[in-house]
Amino acid sequence: MTSKSISTFTYHSINNTRIKEISIICKNSNIHHVVNNAYGITCTKVIDILSQSNKVGRIDVIISSTDKNFMVPVGGSLLYSSNEVNSFVKT
């Protein structure tokens, strides 16, 4: 069985990225949706768009950068989801 997924990128292109529409397509087509939110944790506009998109559509995982958002000297990533148990991310 093949897993389908779509990855969208926020930040500079937030006004041009159709995250809400992509999220709806992913929900209707049962496609995993991964969002690269590298810079967006501190931007309320990005957070609002992601929150709205997740309510009407599907966002399985959001990935954010620790060095870009929290100015830490060593890079890392945060992976988070609104799903309590997410079958897309396996440990």
Protein backbone atom coordinates (compact mmCIF):
# COMPACT_ATOMS: atom_id res chain seq x y z
CA MET A 1 0.00 0.00 0.00
CA THR A 2 1.41 3.36 -1.02
CA SER A 3 1.08 6.37 1.26
CA LYS A 4 0.13 9.63 -0.41
CA SER A 5 1.31 12.93 1.01
CA ILE A 6 1.56 16.61 0.15
CA SER A 7 4.01 19.05 1.70
CA THR A 8 3.36 22.78 1.75
CA PHE A 9 5.68 25.57 2.82
CA THR A 10 4.66 28.66 4.76
CA TYR A 11 6.45 31.93 5.53
CA HIS A 12 7.37 34.09 2.52
CA SER A 13 4.68 32.57 0.36
CA ILE A 14 1.90 32.52 2.98
CA ASN A 15 -0.26 34.87 0.91
CA ASN A 16 0.32 32.83 -2.23
CA THR A 17 0.12 29.35 -0.73
CA ARG A 18 -3.36 27.91 -0.75
CA ILE A 19 -2.94 25.89 2.42
CA LYS A 20 -6.64 25.87 3.26
CA GLU A 21 -7.59 24.58 -0.20
CA ILE A 22 -4.80 22.00 -0.14
CA SER A 23 -5.94 20.86 3.33
CA ILE A 24 -9.49 20.34 2.07
CA ILE A 25 -8.25 18.33 -0.92
CA CYS A 26 -6.11 16.20 1.41
CA LYS A 27 -9.07 15.55 3.71
CA ASN A 28 -11.41 14.63 0.85
CA SER A 29 -8.81 12.43 -0.87
CA ASN A 30 -7.32 10.85 2.28
CA ILE A 31 -3.85 12.26 1.53
CA HIS A 32 -1.35 13.00 4.31
CA HIS A 33 -0.50 16.72 4.57
CA VAL A 34 2.85 17.83 6.00
CA VAL A 35 3.45 21.57 6.46
CA ASN A 36 6.97 23.00 6.60
CA ASN A 37 6.44 25.89 9.01
CA ALA A 38 10.15 26.64 9.38
CA TYR A 39 9.78 30.27 10.47
CA GLY A 40 6.13 30.52 11.39
CA ILE A 41 5.80 29.82 15.13
CA THR A 42 6.12 33.49 16.03
CA CYS A 43 3.87 34.78 13.24
CA THR A 44 0.23 34.99 14.35
CA LYS A 45 -0.99 35.26 10.75
CA VAL A 46 0.66 31.95 9.86
CA ILE A 47 -0.69 30.27 13.01
CA ASP A 48 -4.22 31.52 12.24
CA ILE A 49 -4.07 30.22 8.67
CA LEU A 50 -2.77 26.83 9.81
CA SER A 51 -5.42 26.59 12.52
CA GLN A 52 -8.23 27.43 10.10
CA SER A 53 -6.84 25.02 7.51
CA ASN A 54 -6.70 22.20 10.05
CA LYS A 55 -10.31 22.83 11.12
CA VAL A 56 -11.76 22.63 7.60
CA GLY A 57 -9.25 20.24 6.07
CA ARG A 58 -6.38 18.00 7.02
CA ILE A 59 -2.93 18.77 8.36
CA ASP A 60 -1.22 15.69 9.74
CA VAL A 61 2.10 17.14 10.84
CA ILE A 62 3.64 20.60 11.08
CA ILE A 63 7.43 20.89 11.21
CA SER A 64 9.15 23.96 12.65
CA SER A 65 12.81 24.89 13.02
CA THR A 66 14.21 25.56 16.48
CA ASP A 67 17.12 27.70 15.26
CA LYS A 68 14.89 29.90 13.07
CA ASN A 69 12.13 30.33 15.67
CA PHE A 70 13.98 30.28 18.99
CA MET A 71 17.46 31.46 17.90
CA VAL A 72 19.22 28.47 19.43
CA PRO A 73 22.79 27.89 18.18
CA VAL A 74 22.22 24.24 17.28
CA GLY A 75 19.51 23.42 14.80
CA GLY A 76 16.65 21.12 15.61
CA SER A 77 13.06 20.51 14.63
CA LEU A 78 9.68 20.41 16.28
CA LEU A 79 7.10 18.05 14.85
CA TYR A 80 3.59 18.59 16.09
CA SER A 81 0.06 17.59 15.26
CA SER A 82 -3.45 18.13 16.51
CA ASN A 83 -4.02 14.37 16.37
CA GLU A 84 -3.61 12.62 19.71
CA VAL A 85 -2.25 9.52 18.02
CA ASN A 86 -0.97 10.13 14.54
CA SER A 87 -0.42 7.08 12.38
CA PHE A 88 1.61 9.13 9.89
CA VAL A 89 4.50 9.61 12.31
CA LYS A 90 5.84 6.35 13.68
CA THR A 91 8.39 6.08 16.45
